[in-house]
All heavy atoms as atom14 arrays in JSON, in Angstrom:
{
  "sequence": "NATFHSALRNFYPSGWWLVTRRSQFGTGSYPGLLAHMRDR",
  "atom14_mask": [
    [1, 1, 1, 1, 1, 1, 1, 1, 0, 0, 0, 0, 0, 0],
    [1, 1, 1, 1, 1, 0, 0, 0, 0, 0, 0, 0, 0, 0],
    [1, 1, 1, 1, 1, 1, 1, 0, 0, 0, 0, 0, 0, 0],
    [1, 1, 1, 1, 1, 1, 1, 1, 1, 1, 1, 0, 0, 0],
    [1, 1, 1, 1, 1, 1, 1, 1, 1, 1, 0, 0, 0, 0],
    [1, 1, 1, 1, 1, 1, 0, 0, 0, 0, 0, 0, 0, 0],
    [1, 1, 1, 1, 1, 0, 0, 0, 0, 0, 0, 0, 0, 0],
    [1, 1, 1, 1, 1, 1, 1, 1, 0, 0, 0, 0, 0, 0],
    [1, 1, 1, 1, 1, 1, 1, 1, 1, 1, 1, 0, 0, 0],
    [1, 1, 1, 1, 1, 1, 1, 1, 0, 0, 0, 0, 0, 0],
    [1, 1, 1, 1, 1, 1, 1, 1, 1, 1, 1, 0, 0, 0],
    [1, 1, 1, 1, 1, 1, 1, 1, 1, 1, 1, 1, 0, 0],
    [1, 1, 1, 1, 1, 1, 1, 0, 0, 0, 0, 0, 0, 0],
    [1, 1, 1, 1, 1, 1, 0, 0, 0, 0, 0, 0, 0, 0],
    [1, 1, 1, 1, 0, 0, 0, 0, 0, 0, 0, 0, 0, 0],
    [1, 1, 1, 1, 1, 1, 1, 1, 1, 1, 1, 1, 1, 1],
    [1, 1, 1, 1, 1, 1, 1, 1, 1, 1, 1, 1, 1, 1],
    [1, 1, 1, 1, 1, 1, 1, 1, 0, 0, 0, 0, 0, 0],
    [1, 1, 1, 1, 1, 1, 1, 0, 0, 0, 0, 0, 0, 0],
    [1, 1, 1, 1, 1, 1, 1, 0, 0, 0, 0, 0, 0, 0],
    [1, 1, 1, 1, 1, 1, 1, 1, 1, 1, 1, 0, 0, 0],
    [1, 1, 1, 1, 1, 1, 1, 1, 1, 1, 1, 0, 0, 0],
    [1, 1, 1, 1, 1, 1, 0, 0, 0, 0, 0, 0, 0, 0],
    [1, 1, 1, 1, 1, 1, 1, 1, 1, 0, 0, 0, 0, 0],
    [1, 1, 1, 1, 1, 1, 1, 1, 1, 1, 1, 0, 0, 0],
    [1, 1, 1, 1, 0, 0, 0, 0, 0, 0, 0, 0, 0, 0],
    [1, 1, 1, 1, 1, 1, 1, 0, 0, 0, 0, 0, 0, 0],
    [1, 1, 1, 1, 0, 0, 0, 0, 0, 0, 0, 0, 0, 0],
    [1, 1, 1, 1, 1, 1, 0, 0, 0, 0, 0, 0, 0, 0],
    [1, 1, 1, 1, 1, 1, 1, 1, 1, 1, 1, 1, 0, 0],
    [1, 1, 1, 1, 1, 1, 1, 0, 0, 0, 0, 0, 0, 0],
    [1, 1, 1, 1, 0, 0, 0, 0, 0, 0, 0, 0, 0, 0],
    [1, 1, 1, 1, 1, 1, 1, 1, 0, 0, 0, 0, 0, 0],
    [1, 1, 1, 1, 1, 1, 1, 1, 0, 0, 0, 0, 0, 0],
    [1, 1, 1, 1, 1, 0, 0, 0, 0, 0, 0, 0, 0, 0],
    [1, 1, 1, 1, 1, 1, 1, 1, 1, 1, 0, 0, 0, 0],
    [1, 1, 1, 1, 1, 1, 1, 1, 0, 0, 0, 0, 0, 0],
    [1, 1, 1, 1, 1, 1, 1, 1, 1, 1, 1, 0, 0, 0],
    [1, 1, 1, 1, 1, 1, 1, 1, 0, 0, 0, 0, 0, 0],
    [1, 1, 1, 1, 1, 1, 1, 1, 1, 1, 1, 0, 0, 0]
  ],
  "atom14_positions": [
    [[0.81, -1.21, 0.0], [0.0, -0.01, 0.0], [0.84, 1.27, 0.0], [0.3, 2.38, 0.06], [-0.94, 0.02, 1.21], [-1.97, -1.1, 1.11], [-2.44, -1.44, 0.05], [-2.28, -1.7, 2.24], [0.0, 0.0, 0.0], [0.0, 0.0, 0.0], [0.0, 0.0, 0.0], [0.0, 0.0, 0.0], [0.0, 0.0, 0.0], [0.0, 0.0, 0.0]],
    [[2.16, 1.12, -0.06], [3.04, 2.31, -0.07], [2.79, 3.11, -1.34], [2.54, 2.56, -2.42], [4.51, 1.87, 0.0], [0.0, 0.0, 0.0], [0.0, 0.0, 0.0], [0.0, 0.0, 0.0], [0.0, 0.0, 0.0], [0.0, 0.0, 0.0], [0.0, 0.0, 0.0], [0.0, 0.0, 0.0], [0.0, 0.0, 0.0], [0.0, 0.0, 0.0]],
    [[2.89, 4.42, -1.2], [2.71, 5.3, -2.33], [3.89, 6.25, -2.44], [4.44, 6.69, -1.43], [1.41, 6.13, -2.19], [1.41, 6.84, -0.95], [0.19, 5.24, -2.3], [0.0, 0.0, 0.0], [0.0, 0.0, 0.0], [0.0, 0.0, 0.0], [0.0, 0.0, 0.0], [0.0, 0.0, 0.0], [0.0, 0.0, 0.0], [0.0, 0.0, 0.0]],
    [[4.26, 6.58, -3.68], [5.37, 7.48, -3.9], [4.86, 8.92, -3.89], [3.84, 9.23, -4.46], [6.05, 7.2, -5.24], [7.24, 8.08, -5.48], [8.49, 7.75, -4.93], [7.12, 9.27, -6.18], [9.58, 8.56, -5.12], [8.22, 10.1, -6.37], [9.44, 9.75, -5.83], [0.0, 0.0, 0.0], [0.0, 0.0, 0.0], [0.0, 0.0, 0.0]],
    [[5.64, 9.79, -3.19], [5.3, 11.22, -3.15], [6.54, 12.05, -3.44], [7.65, 11.68, -3.02], [4.76, 11.62, -1.78], [3.44, 10.97, -1.46], [2.25, 11.62, -1.61], [3.16, 9.74, -0.99], [1.28, 10.81, -1.25], [1.79, 9.66, -0.86], [0.0, 0.0, 0.0], [0.0, 0.0, 0.0], [0.0, 0.0, 0.0], [0.0, 0.0, 0.0]],
    [[6.33, 13.16, -4.09], [7.44, 14.11, -4.3], [7.79, 14.78, -2.98], [7.0, 14.79, -2.04], [7.04, 15.17, -5.33], [6.78, 14.57, -6.57], [0.0, 0.0, 0.0], [0.0, 0.0, 0.0], [0.0, 0.0, 0.0], [0.0, 0.0, 0.0], [0.0, 0.0, 0.0], [0.0, 0.0, 0.0], [0.0, 0.0, 0.0], [0.0, 0.0, 0.0]],
    [[8.96, 15.39, -2.96], [9.44, 16.07, -1.75], [8.6, 17.3, -1.44], [8.03, 17.92, -2.35], [10.89, 16.5, -1.94], [0.0, 0.0, 0.0], [0.0, 0.0, 0.0], [0.0, 0.0, 0.0], [0.0, 0.0, 0.0], [0.0, 0.0, 0.0], [0.0, 0.0, 0.0], [0.0, 0.0, 0.0], [0.0, 0.0, 0.0], [0.0, 0.0, 0.0]],
    [[8.5, 17.62, -0.17], [7.95, 18.87, 0.29], [9.1, 19.59, 0.97], [9.56, 19.2, 2.04], [6.79, 18.67, 1.25], [6.12, 19.94, 1.78], [5.59, 20.79, 0.62], [5.0, 19.58, 2.72], [0.0, 0.0, 0.0], [0.0, 0.0, 0.0], [0.0, 0.0, 0.0], [0.0, 0.0, 0.0], [0.0, 0.0, 0.0], [0.0, 0.0, 0.0]],
    [[9.62, 20.59, 0.29], [10.85, 21.28, 0.73], [10.82, 21.63, 2.21], [9.83, 22.14, 2.72], [11.05, 22.52, -0.11], [12.36, 23.19, 0.12], [12.47, 24.43, -0.75], [13.57, 25.24, -0.33], [14.69, 25.37, -1.02], [14.82, 24.8, -2.19], [15.68, 26.12, -0.57], [0.0, 0.0, 0.0], [0.0, 0.0, 0.0], [0.0, 0.0, 0.0]],
    [[11.9, 21.35, 2.89], [12.08, 21.6, 4.32], [11.13, 20.79, 5.21], [10.98, 21.09, 6.39], [11.94, 23.09, 4.66], [13.01, 23.93, 4.01], [14.16, 23.51, 3.88], [12.62, 25.1, 3.57], [0.0, 0.0, 0.0], [0.0, 0.0, 0.0], [0.0, 0.0, 0.0], [0.0, 0.0, 0.0], [0.0, 0.0, 0.0], [0.0, 0.0, 0.0]],
    [[10.51, 19.76, 4.64], [9.63, 18.95, 5.45], [9.95, 17.47, 5.33], [10.12, 16.78, 6.32], [8.17, 19.24, 5.08], [7.18, 18.74, 6.1], [7.19, 19.21, 7.39], [6.23, 17.81, 5.75], [6.26, 18.75, 8.33], [5.3, 17.35, 6.66], [5.32, 17.81, 7.96], [0.0, 0.0, 0.0], [0.0, 0.0, 0.0], [0.0, 0.0, 0.0]],
    [[10.04, 16.97, 4.08], [10.42, 15.59, 3.85], [10.91, 15.44, 2.42], [10.52, 16.2, 1.54], [9.29, 14.6, 4.15], [7.98, 14.89, 3.44], [7.78, 14.57, 2.13], [6.95, 15.51, 4.13], [6.58, 14.84, 1.47], [5.74, 15.79, 3.5], [5.57, 15.44, 2.18], [4.39, 15.71, 1.54], [0.0, 0.0, 0.0], [0.0, 0.0, 0.0]],
    [[11.79, 14.46, 2.18], [12.27, 14.22, 0.81], [11.28, 13.41, 0.0], [10.3, 12.91, 0.54], [13.55, 13.41, 1.04], [13.23, 12.63, 2.27], [12.4, 13.54, 3.13], [0.0, 0.0, 0.0], [0.0, 0.0, 0.0], [0.0, 0.0, 0.0], [0.0, 0.0, 0.0], [0.0, 0.0, 0.0], [0.0, 0.0, 0.0], [0.0, 0.0, 0.0]],
    [[11.53, 13.3, -1.28], [10.69, 12.42, -2.1], [10.95, 10.98, -1.65], [12.03, 10.64, -1.15], [11.03, 12.59, -3.57], [12.38, 12.22, -3.81], [0.0, 0.0, 0.0], [0.0, 0.0, 0.0], [0.0, 0.0, 0.0], [0.0, 0.0, 0.0], [0.0, 0.0, 0.0], [0.0, 0.0, 0.0], [0.0, 0.0, 0.0], [0.0, 0.0, 0.0]],
    [[9.94, 10.16, -1.79], [10.11, 8.75, -1.4], [8.79, 8.06, -1.25], [7.72, 8.61, -1.5], [0.0, 0.0, 0.0], [0.0, 0.0, 0.0], [0.0, 0.0, 0.0], [0.0, 0.0, 0.0], [0.0, 0.0, 0.0], [0.0, 0.0, 0.0], [0.0, 0.0, 0.0], [0.0, 0.0, 0.0], [0.0, 0.0, 0.0], [0.0, 0.0, 0.0]],
    [[8.9, 6.82, -0.81], [7.74, 5.96, -0.63], [7.24, 6.08, 0.8], [7.97, 5.87, 1.76], [8.12, 4.51, -0.92], [8.39, 4.27, -2.37], [9.57, 4.43, -3.03], [7.42, 3.91, -3.35], [9.4, 4.17, -4.36], [8.08, 3.85, -4.59], [6.06, 3.63, -3.3], [7.43, 3.5, -5.76], [5.42, 3.29, -4.48], [6.1, 3.23, -5.68]],
    [[5.97, 6.47, 0.92], [5.34, 6.59, 2.22], [4.93, 5.2, 2.68], [3.99, 4.6, 2.14], [4.14, 7.51, 2.17], [4.46, 8.96, 1.92], [5.61, 9.48, 1.39], [3.61, 10.06, 2.18], [5.53, 10.83, 1.3], [4.3, 11.24, 1.79], [2.33, 10.19, 2.69], [3.75, 12.51, 1.91], [1.76, 11.45, 2.82], [2.48, 12.59, 2.44]],
    [[5.61, 4.68, 3.66], [5.31, 3.34, 4.19], [4.21, 3.42, 5.24], [3.42, 2.48, 5.37], [6.58, 2.72, 4.8], [7.81, 2.69, 3.88], [8.99, 2.06, 4.59], [7.5, 1.99, 2.56], [0.0, 0.0, 0.0], [0.0, 0.0, 0.0], [0.0, 0.0, 0.0], [0.0, 0.0, 0.0], [0.0, 0.0, 0.0], [0.0, 0.0, 0.0]],
    [[4.2, 4.49, 6.0], [3.15, 4.77, 6.98], [2.68, 6.21, 6.74], [3.48, 7.14, 6.75], [3.68, 4.64, 8.43], [2.64, 5.1, 9.45], [4.12, 3.2, 8.72], [0.0, 0.0, 0.0], [0.0, 0.0, 0.0], [0.0, 0.0, 0.0], [0.0, 0.0, 0.0], [0.0, 0.0, 0.0], [0.0, 0.0, 0.0], [0.0, 0.0, 0.0]],
    [[1.39, 6.37, 6.49], [0.82, 7.69, 6.24], [-0.01, 8.11, 7.43], [-0.79, 7.3, 7.97], [-0.05, 7.66, 4.97], [0.75, 7.27, 3.86], [-0.68, 9.01, 4.68], [0.0, 0.0, 0.0], [0.0, 0.0, 0.0], [0.0, 0.0, 0.0], [0.0, 0.0, 0.0], [0.0, 0.0, 0.0], [0.0, 0.0, 0.0], [0.0, 0.0, 0.0]],
    [[0.15, 9.35, 7.85], [-0.6, 9.9, 8.98], [-1.38, 11.13, 8.53], [-0.96, 11.85, 7.64], [0.35, 10.29, 10.13], [1.11, 9.14, 10.7], [0.2, 8.21, 11.43], [0.99, 7.17, 12.11], [0.57, 5.94, 12.28], [-0.6, 5.56, 11.81], [1.32, 5.07, 12.9], [0.0, 0.0, 0.0], [0.0, 0.0, 0.0], [0.0, 0.0, 0.0]],
    [[-2.5, 11.36, 9.18], [-3.31, 12.54, 8.94], [-2.87, 13.62, 9.93], [-2.66, 13.35, 11.1], [-4.81, 12.26, 9.18], [-5.38, 11.18, 8.28], [-5.79, 11.58, 6.93], [-6.61, 12.77, 6.88], [-6.61, 13.59, 5.83], [-5.88, 13.33, 4.79], [-7.38, 14.64, 5.83], [0.0, 0.0, 0.0], [0.0, 0.0, 0.0], [0.0, 0.0, 0.0]],
    [[-2.77, 14.83, 9.43], [-2.42, 15.96, 10.3], [-3.58, 16.18, 11.28], [-4.76, 16.14, 10.91], [-2.22, 17.21, 9.46], [-2.11, 18.34, 10.31], [0.0, 0.0, 0.0], [0.0, 0.0, 0.0], [0.0, 0.0, 0.0], [0.0, 0.0, 0.0], [0.0, 0.0, 0.0], [0.0, 0.0, 0.0], [0.0, 0.0, 0.0], [0.0, 0.0, 0.0]],
    [[-3.22, 16.45, 12.54], [-4.24, 16.72, 13.54], [-4.91, 18.08, 13.35], [-5.9, 18.39, 14.0], [-3.69, 16.58, 14.95], [-2.34, 17.23, 15.18], [-1.76, 16.86, 16.53], [-2.46, 16.91, 17.53], [-0.5, 16.47, 16.55], [0.0, 0.0, 0.0], [0.0, 0.0, 0.0], [0.0, 0.0, 0.0], [0.0, 0.0, 0.0], [0.0, 0.0, 0.0]],
    [[-4.38, 18.88, 12.42], [-4.94, 20.18, 12.15], [-5.77, 20.19, 10.87], [-6.15, 21.26, 10.39], [-3.84, 21.24, 12.06], [-3.05, 21.33, 13.32], [-1.76, 20.86, 13.38], [-3.62, 21.87, 14.46], [-1.03, 20.92, 14.56], [-2.91, 21.95, 15.65], [-1.62, 21.47, 15.69], [0.0, 0.0, 0.0], [0.0, 0.0, 0.0], [0.0, 0.0, 0.0]],
    [[-5.99, 19.02, 10.28], [-6.81, 18.94, 9.08], [-6.13, 19.49, 7.85], [-6.82, 19.85, 6.9], [0.0, 0.0, 0.0], [0.0, 0.0, 0.0], [0.0, 0.0, 0.0], [0.0, 0.0, 0.0], [0.0, 0.0, 0.0], [0.0, 0.0, 0.0], [0.0, 0.0, 0.0], [0.0, 0.0, 0.0], [0.0, 0.0, 0.0], [0.0, 0.0, 0.0]],
    [[-4.8, 19.57, 7.84], [-4.1, 20.14, 6.7], [-3.57, 19.05, 5.76], [-2.62, 19.29, 5.02], [-2.92, 21.02, 7.19], [-2.07, 20.22, 8.02], [-3.42, 22.23, 7.94], [0.0, 0.0, 0.0], [0.0, 0.0, 0.0], [0.0, 0.0, 0.0], [0.0, 0.0, 0.0], [0.0, 0.0, 0.0], [0.0, 0.0, 0.0], [0.0, 0.0, 0.0]],
    [[-4.16, 17.9, 5.79], [-3.74, 16.84, 4.89], [-2.99, 15.74, 5.62], [-3.17, 15.5, 6.81], [0.0, 0.0, 0.0], [0.0, 0.0, 0.0], [0.0, 0.0, 0.0], [0.0, 0.0, 0.0], [0.0, 0.0, 0.0], [0.0, 0.0, 0.0], [0.0, 0.0, 0.0], [0.0, 0.0, 0.0], [0.0, 0.0, 0.0], [0.0, 0.0, 0.0]],
    [[-2.12, 15.07, 4.89], [-1.39, 13.95, 5.46], [0.12, 14.17, 5.32], [0.57, 15.08, 4.61], [-1.82, 12.65, 4.79], [-1.62, 12.72, 3.4], [0.0, 0.0, 0.0], [0.0, 0.0, 0.0], [0.0, 0.0, 0.0], [0.0, 0.0, 0.0], [0.0, 0.0, 0.0], [0.0, 0.0, 0.0], [0.0, 0.0, 0.0], [0.0, 0.0, 0.0]],
    [[0.86, 13.32, 6.01], [2.33, 13.39, 5.98], [2.87, 11.98, 6.17], [2.15, 11.09, 6.66], [2.85, 14.35, 7.07], [2.59, 13.89, 8.48], [3.52, 13.12, 9.18], [1.4, 14.24, 9.13], [3.27, 12.69, 10.45], [1.17, 13.81, 10.43], [2.1, 13.04, 11.08], [1.87, 12.63, 12.37], [0.0, 0.0, 0.0], [0.0, 0.0, 0.0]],
    [[4.12, 11.75, 5.81], [4.69, 10.42, 6.0], [5.17, 10.21, 7.44], [6.06, 10.92, 7.91], [5.88, 10.41, 5.03], [6.28, 11.83, 4.94], [5.03, 12.64, 5.11], [0.0, 0.0, 0.0], [0.0, 0.0, 0.0], [0.0, 0.0, 0.0], [0.0, 0.0, 0.0], [0.0, 0.0, 0.0], [0.0, 0.0, 0.0], [0.0, 0.0, 0.0]],
    [[4.56, 9.26, 8.14], [5.07, 8.88, 9.46], [6.38, 8.13, 9.28], [7.33, 8.28, 10.07], [0.0, 0.0, 0.0], [0.0, 0.0, 0.0], [0.0, 0.0, 0.0], [0.0, 0.0, 0.0], [0.0, 0.0, 0.0], [0.0, 0.0, 0.0], [0.0, 0.0, 0.0], [0.0, 0.0, 0.0], [0.0, 0.0, 0.0], [0.0, 0.0, 0.0]],
    [[6.44, 7.29, 8.23], [7.66, 6.57, 7.87], [7.8, 6.59, 6.37], [6.88, 6.24, 5.64], [7.6, 5.12, 8.38], [8.76, 4.19, 7.98], [10.1, 4.72, 8.46], [8.52, 2.79, 8.52], [0.0, 0.0, 0.0], [0.0, 0.0, 0.0], [0.0, 0.0, 0.0], [0.0, 0.0, 0.0], [0.0, 0.0, 0.0], [0.0, 0.0, 0.0]],
    [[8.94, 7.05, 5.91], [9.22, 7.21, 4.48], [10.52, 6.5, 4.13], [11.5, 6.58, 4.91], [9.34, 8.71, 4.19], [9.68, 9.15, 2.76], [9.0, 10.48, 2.46], [11.18, 9.31, 2.57], [0.0, 0.0, 0.0], [0.0, 0.0, 0.0], [0.0, 0.0, 0.0], [0.0, 0.0, 0.0], [0.0, 0.0, 0.0], [0.0, 0.0, 0.0]],
    [[10.53, 5.82, 3.0], [11.77, 5.22, 2.49], [12.26, 6.1, 1.35], [11.57, 6.25, 0.33], [11.52, 3.8, 2.0], [0.0, 0.0, 0.0], [0.0, 0.0, 0.0], [0.0, 0.0, 0.0], [0.0, 0.0, 0.0], [0.0, 0.0, 0.0], [0.0, 0.0, 0.0], [0.0, 0.0, 0.0], [0.0, 0.0, 0.0], [0.0, 0.0, 0.0]],
    [[13.42, 6.68, 1.53], [14.03, 7.51, 0.48], [14.88, 6.61, -0.42], [15.62, 5.76, 0.08], [14.9, 8.6, 1.14], [15.5, 9.56, 0.17], [14.74, 10.41, -0.58], [16.78, 9.8, -0.16], [15.53, 11.14, -1.35], [16.79, 10.79, -1.11], [0.0, 0.0, 0.0], [0.0, 0.0, 0.0], [0.0, 0.0, 0.0], [0.0, 0.0, 0.0]],
    [[14.74, 6.79, -1.72], [15.39, 5.92, -2.7], [16.39, 6.7, -3.56], [16.22, 7.88, -3.79], [14.36, 5.29, -3.64], [13.15, 4.64, -2.98], [13.51, 3.09, -2.21], [13.57, 2.02, -3.61], [0.0, 0.0, 0.0], [0.0, 0.0, 0.0], [0.0, 0.0, 0.0], [0.0, 0.0, 0.0], [0.0, 0.0, 0.0], [0.0, 0.0, 0.0]],
    [[17.4, 5.96, -3.98], [18.34, 6.48, -4.98], [18.68, 5.29, -5.88], [19.04, 4.22, -5.36], [19.6, 7.07, -4.32], [20.51, 7.75, -5.35], [21.64, 8.52, -4.69], [21.11, 9.59, -3.83], [21.45, 9.74, -2.55], [22.3, 8.94, -1.97], [20.93, 10.73, -1.83], [0.0, 0.0, 0.0], [0.0, 0.0, 0.0], [0.0, 0.0, 0.0]],
    [[18.56, 5.47, -7.17], [18.78, 4.39, -8.13], [17.98, 3.13, -7.78], [18.47, 2.01, -7.83], [20.29, 4.05, -8.2], [21.12, 5.2, -8.71], [20.62, 5.95, -9.57], [22.27, 5.34, -8.23], [0.0, 0.0, 0.0], [0.0, 0.0, 0.0], [0.0, 0.0, 0.0], [0.0, 0.0, 0.0], [0.0, 0.0, 0.0], [0.0, 0.0, 0.0]],
    [[16.71, 3.36, -7.37], [15.76, 2.3, -7.08], [16.17, 1.44, -5.89], [15.77, 0.29, -5.76], [15.46, 1.48, -8.3], [14.88, 2.33, -9.43], [14.7, 1.58, -10.72], [13.51, 0.79, -10.84], [12.28, 1.25, -11.05], [12.08, 2.53, -11.12], [11.26, 0.43, -11.19], [0.0, 0.0, 0.0], [0.0, 0.0, 0.0], [0.0, 0.0, 0.0]]
  ]
}
């Protein structure tokens, strides 16, 4: 169920979101656990 997301500057790098969390402020979601990849 992991999904790939582009980086959000100064927040997290691009990568596969292994655990996705909802913001407690209703501003969307963020990666609780992300796997950053280089050359797959």
